[in-house]
Amino acid sequence: MATKGLHYIPPGSDGTDHSYRQRIAAQYQISALNKSRLKHSIFFHYMLFFVMLAKLSADILDKLDIFILEIEELRIPQPLWWEYIWCVSLLFSFLGLSSVRKNNPKHMKQYLFGLIAFGYLPLLYAIIYYFRDVWTYMNADPDEDQEEIDEIHMWQGLPYGLLWYVFIIGALQVHSFSMYFALNLIKAWKSRGARKID
């Protein structure tokens, strides 16, 4: 069928209505983008969990009465309760992923609660617990403050608290990004629900 010129406009239209049909609503774009980003953050949470699991492996094997010489020779320090509690935060990531699939803001709020209770609070405790050792190590002069340096708990020649601070900084970043993306998803899903009511 032949057209009536290069820029034919059908009668009764000014030609601009097609732009509205082609546009995707902002809340759907925000939802898709934040779903992808939240999945990446949860993936990094899994990676941190496996680092923690490697640290806890000596204690777990000891409780199971399994002896592996190579692990015993590492002389990994005994874990504190906050390490096991932090591991529980991984279970809430499954709730977050389920919420992403179903666009469920209620489950996403539960994921956020779990992240705060079992992710942030144990890390906050660890920051306070190791602060004195880290502060002493960072500010002590090796020539003058040798007694204070000797009191710092060391593992493999490195300050144990400083090693934990590296883990804690990474975990705080992952949890903060996860929380930000989850809050954006809740906001996008609620605005979509409000539009349906209108």
Protein backbone atom coordinates (compact mmCIF):
# COMPACT_ATOMS: atom_id res chain seq x y z
CA MET A 1 0.00 0.00 0.00
CA ALA A 2 1.37 3.39 -0.97
CA THR A 3 1.77 6.12 1.65
CA LYS A 4 0.77 9.71 1.12
CA GLY A 5 4.20 11.27 1.38
CA LEU A 6 7.16 10.84 3.69
CA HIS A 7 5.52 12.14 6.89
CA TYR A 8 1.91 11.05 6.59
CA ILE A 9 -0.25 11.87 9.66
CA PRO A 10 -3.58 10.05 9.95
CA PRO A 11 -6.68 12.24 10.22
CA GLY A 12 -7.73 13.07 13.81
CA SER A 13 -4.19 12.83 15.20
CA ASP A 14 -1.37 15.31 15.53
CA GLY A 15 1.21 12.50 15.37
CA THR A 16 2.51 12.76 18.94
CA ASP A 17 0.38 10.04 20.56
CA HIS A 18 2.87 7.30 19.59
CA SER A 19 5.46 8.64 22.05
CA TYR A 20 3.15 7.89 24.99
CA ARG A 21 2.54 4.35 23.83
CA GLN A 22 6.28 3.68 23.52
CA ARG A 23 7.27 4.97 26.97
CA ILE A 24 7.73 2.56 29.91
CA ALA A 25 6.47 3.86 33.22
CA ALA A 26 9.25 5.12 35.53
CA GLN A 27 8.37 2.76 38.38
CA TYR A 28 8.86 -0.27 36.09
CA GLN A 29 12.26 1.00 34.96
CA ILE A 30 13.29 1.64 38.57
CA SER A 31 12.01 -1.79 39.58
CA ALA A 32 13.92 -3.64 36.84
CA LEU A 33 17.16 -1.75 37.51
CA ASN A 34 17.04 -2.22 41.29
CA LYS A 35 16.10 -5.90 41.00
CA SER A 36 19.27 -6.52 39.03
CA ARG A 37 21.41 -4.50 41.41
CA LEU A 38 19.93 -6.20 44.49
CA LYS A 39 20.72 -9.62 42.99
CA HIS A 40 24.35 -8.54 42.52
CA SER A 41 24.52 -7.29 46.12
CA ILE A 42 23.12 -10.58 47.40
CA PHE A 43 25.74 -12.43 45.31
CA PHE A 44 28.48 -10.47 47.12
CA HIS A 45 26.74 -11.32 50.41
CA TYR A 46 27.15 -15.01 49.50
CA MET A 47 30.84 -14.45 48.79
CA LEU A 48 31.32 -12.85 52.21
CA PHE A 49 29.43 -15.75 53.77
CA PHE A 50 31.91 -18.23 52.27
CA VAL A 51 34.80 -16.17 53.67
CA MET A 52 33.16 -16.32 57.10
CA LEU A 53 32.48 -20.04 56.67
CA ALA A 54 36.17 -20.62 55.92
CA LYS A 55 37.04 -18.79 59.15
CA LEU A 56 34.49 -20.83 61.12
CA SER A 57 35.50 -24.14 59.54
CA ALA A 58 38.03 -24.99 62.27
CA ASP A 59 35.43 -24.54 65.02
CA ILE A 60 32.73 -26.40 63.07
CA LEU A 61 35.05 -29.34 62.37
CA ASP A 62 36.13 -29.34 66.02
CA LYS A 63 32.50 -29.56 67.18
CA LEU A 64 31.91 -32.41 64.72
CA ASP A 65 35.03 -34.10 66.13
CA ILE A 66 36.76 -34.10 62.73
CA PHE A 67 40.51 -33.56 62.76
CA ILE A 68 42.26 -32.09 59.70
CA LEU A 69 45.92 -31.36 60.37
CA GLU A 70 46.27 -28.57 57.76
CA ILE A 71 43.41 -26.59 59.30
CA GLU A 72 44.63 -27.17 62.86
CA GLU A 73 48.10 -25.89 61.93
CA LEU A 74 46.59 -22.53 60.91
CA ARG A 75 45.70 -21.94 64.58
CA ILE A 76 42.55 -20.01 63.67
CA PRO A 77 41.27 -18.13 66.75
CA GLN A 78 38.06 -19.33 68.38
CA PRO A 79 34.99 -17.59 66.93
CA LEU A 80 32.86 -15.16 68.87
CA TRP A 81 29.07 -15.38 68.95
CA TRP A 82 28.64 -12.44 66.55
CA GLU A 83 30.26 -14.45 63.72
CA TYR A 84 27.60 -17.15 63.87
CA ILE A 85 24.79 -14.62 64.23
CA TRP A 86 26.04 -12.75 61.16
CA CYS A 87 25.83 -16.01 59.17
CA VAL A 88 22.07 -16.10 59.85
CA SER A 89 21.71 -12.96 57.70
CA LEU A 90 22.30 -15.14 54.64
CA LEU A 91 18.98 -16.92 55.24
CA PHE A 92 17.14 -13.61 54.80
CA SER A 93 18.71 -13.18 51.36
CA PHE A 94 16.50 -16.03 50.13
CA LEU A 95 13.50 -14.03 51.31
CA GLY A 96 14.82 -11.01 49.40
CA LEU A 97 15.28 -13.04 46.20
CA SER A 98 11.79 -14.51 46.54
CA SER A 99 10.42 -11.01 46.99
CA VAL A 100 12.20 -9.85 43.82
CA ARG A 101 10.58 -12.63 41.79
CA LYS A 102 7.07 -11.95 43.14
CA ASN A 103 7.27 -8.13 43.53
CA ASN A 104 6.22 -8.58 47.17
CA PRO A 105 6.90 -5.49 49.33
CA LYS A 106 5.90 -7.32 52.55
CA HIS A 107 8.62 -9.95 52.12
CA MET A 108 11.09 -7.25 51.11
CA LYS A 109 10.42 -5.46 54.41
CA GLN A 110 11.07 -8.72 56.25
CA TYR A 111 14.34 -9.05 54.32
CA LEU A 112 15.31 -5.53 55.46
CA PHE A 113 14.46 -6.37 59.07
CA GLY A 114 16.61 -9.50 58.89
CA LEU A 115 19.45 -7.54 57.33
CA ILE A 116 19.38 -5.00 60.15
CA ALA A 117 19.01 -7.53 62.98
CA PHE A 118 21.41 -10.21 61.74
CA GLY A 119 23.65 -8.21 59.40
CA TYR A 120 24.24 -4.76 60.83
CA LEU A 121 23.96 -5.41 64.58
CA PRO A 122 26.61 -8.17 64.77
CA LEU A 123 28.94 -6.02 62.66
CA LEU A 124 28.36 -3.06 64.97
CA TYR A 125 29.26 -5.26 67.94
CA ALA A 126 32.45 -6.39 66.16
CA ILE A 127 33.45 -2.79 65.40
CA ILE A 128 33.17 -1.91 69.08
CA TYR A 129 34.83 -5.15 70.25
CA TYR A 130 37.95 -4.79 68.07
CA PHE A 131 38.17 -0.98 68.19
CA ARG A 132 40.74 -0.84 71.01
CA ASP A 133 43.17 -3.23 69.26
CA VAL A 134 42.83 -1.45 65.92
CA TRP A 135 43.24 1.99 67.51
CA THR A 136 46.32 0.87 69.45
CA TYR A 137 47.89 -0.72 66.37
CA MET A 138 47.24 2.34 64.17
CA ASN A 139 48.52 4.90 66.69
CA ALA A 140 51.29 3.05 68.55
CA ASP A 141 54.93 3.85 67.94
CA PRO A 142 56.87 0.55 67.60
CA ASP A 143 59.89 1.97 69.43
CA GLU A 144 58.09 3.50 72.42
CA ASP A 145 54.84 1.53 72.86
CA GLN A 146 56.09 -2.04 72.59
CA GLU A 147 54.12 -3.17 75.66
CA GLU A 148 50.84 -1.97 74.12
CA ILE A 149 51.67 -3.60 70.79
CA ASP A 150 52.41 -6.90 72.56
CA GLU A 151 48.88 -6.85 74.01
CA ILE A 152 47.31 -6.72 70.53
CA HIS A 153 45.90 -10.07 69.42
CA MET A 154 47.88 -11.15 66.32
CA TRP A 155 47.23 -13.95 63.81
CA GLN A 156 49.83 -14.99 61.22
CA GLY A 157 51.80 -11.83 62.06
CA LEU A 158 48.87 -9.52 61.35
CA PRO A 159 46.63 -7.70 63.85
CA TYR A 160 43.48 -9.79 64.20
CA GLY A 161 41.18 -6.79 64.75
CA LEU A 162 42.45 -5.05 61.63
CA LEU A 163 41.75 -8.16 59.56
CA TRP A 164 38.21 -8.16 60.91
CA TYR A 165 37.84 -4.48 60.04
CA VAL A 166 38.61 -5.29 56.40
CA PHE A 167 35.81 -7.87 56.43
CA ILE A 168 33.45 -5.52 58.29
CA ILE A 169 33.97 -2.65 55.83
CA GLY A 170 33.18 -4.95 52.90
CA ALA A 171 30.12 -6.38 54.65
CA LEU A 172 28.81 -2.92 55.59
CA GLN A 173 29.10 -1.81 51.97
CA VAL A 174 27.26 -4.88 50.69
CA HIS A 175 24.50 -4.53 53.31
CA SER A 176 24.13 -0.80 52.66
CA PHE A 177 23.79 -1.28 48.91
CA SER A 178 21.31 -4.13 49.46
CA MET A 179 19.25 -1.95 51.78
CA TYR A 180 19.26 0.98 49.34
CA PHE A 181 18.15 -1.18 46.40
CA ALA A 182 15.50 -2.93 48.51
CA LEU A 183 14.06 0.42 49.67
CA ASN A 184 13.95 1.62 46.06
CA LEU A 185 12.06 -1.53 45.08
CA ILE A 186 9.52 -1.09 47.87
CA LYS A 187 8.97 2.52 46.81
CA ALA A 188 8.55 1.54 43.14
CA TRP A 189 6.12 -1.28 43.97
CA LYS A 190 4.05 0.98 46.22
CA SER A 191 3.83 3.71 43.56
CA ARG A 192 2.67 1.09 41.05
CA GLY A 193 -0.03 -0.01 43.50
CA ALA A 194 -1.10 3.62 44.04
CA ARG A 195 -1.44 4.13 40.26
CA LYS A 196 -3.69 1.08 40.01
CA ILE A 197 -5.99 2.52 42.71
CA ASP A 198 -6.16 5.89 40.86
